[in-house]
Amino acid sequence: MLKIKTFILGPLSTNCYLIFNSKQAIVIDPGSEPEIILTFLNQHNLKVQAILNTHLHFDHIQGNADLHAQTKAPILASPNDKYLLETELGRGGFMDFAETKPFEFQPLEAGKTNFLGTECEVLSTPGHSPGSLSFYFPELQAVFGGDVIFYRSIGRTDFPGGDINILKQSIEKKIFTLPPNTTIYPGHGEPTVVKEEKMHNPFFAPYRL
């Protein structure tokens, strides 16, 4: 049976998610403070199978290097976001934010794959960033979308590489087409549900008709 653990990490209160069974885990968006994640892993004797990044903005990736060093788990992300690691958005270090420790990642493309013995559908959901990915687990009735969609809101698109029209298309075509009771676990804030966002998210007023 799979379980979900949420860690709220770093100065921007980024949600990091741990999906785990009795022996293994995957980590989604270790924003910072990897020691908190590692403590939980050690307490429960869990081996990390993979570190997944929804996108490569600094507040979602700053724990990557240390977590990989301790667990040897591969870091997976979209190659379309690789350029962000050469900018302040990925590198950090501005406005008193910490700098991101360098790391290597393996490219992850959209499509069906398997983690922890269960199906995961990797969804391409650009708009917040060109390479934004969402991870849908049918068994959990859950999608982990990073900064694509939030409770009654959507991700920022004013950063370089953002596009509000592309983001809304991603949500309509990839998130809103999931089963209505699917829980959305966002990169910041509380979880929400697909059917509730279709009805009440102010960025998608036509769905209320």
Foldseek 3Di string as FASTA:
>chain_A
DKDKDWDQDDPQRWTKIWIDDQEEIEIEQPQDPCVVVVVVCVVSNYAYQAYEYQAQFNRRPQCPVVVCVVRVHAYEFAPQRVVCCVDCRRQPPPPPGDGRDDDDHDYDDFAWDDDPRFIWGWAQQFALANGGIKIDGVVVLEIEGEQLDDVLGGHDQPDPRHHNVSSVVSCVPPVLPRPQQRWYHYGHDDIDTSVCCLCRNVVNPVSVD
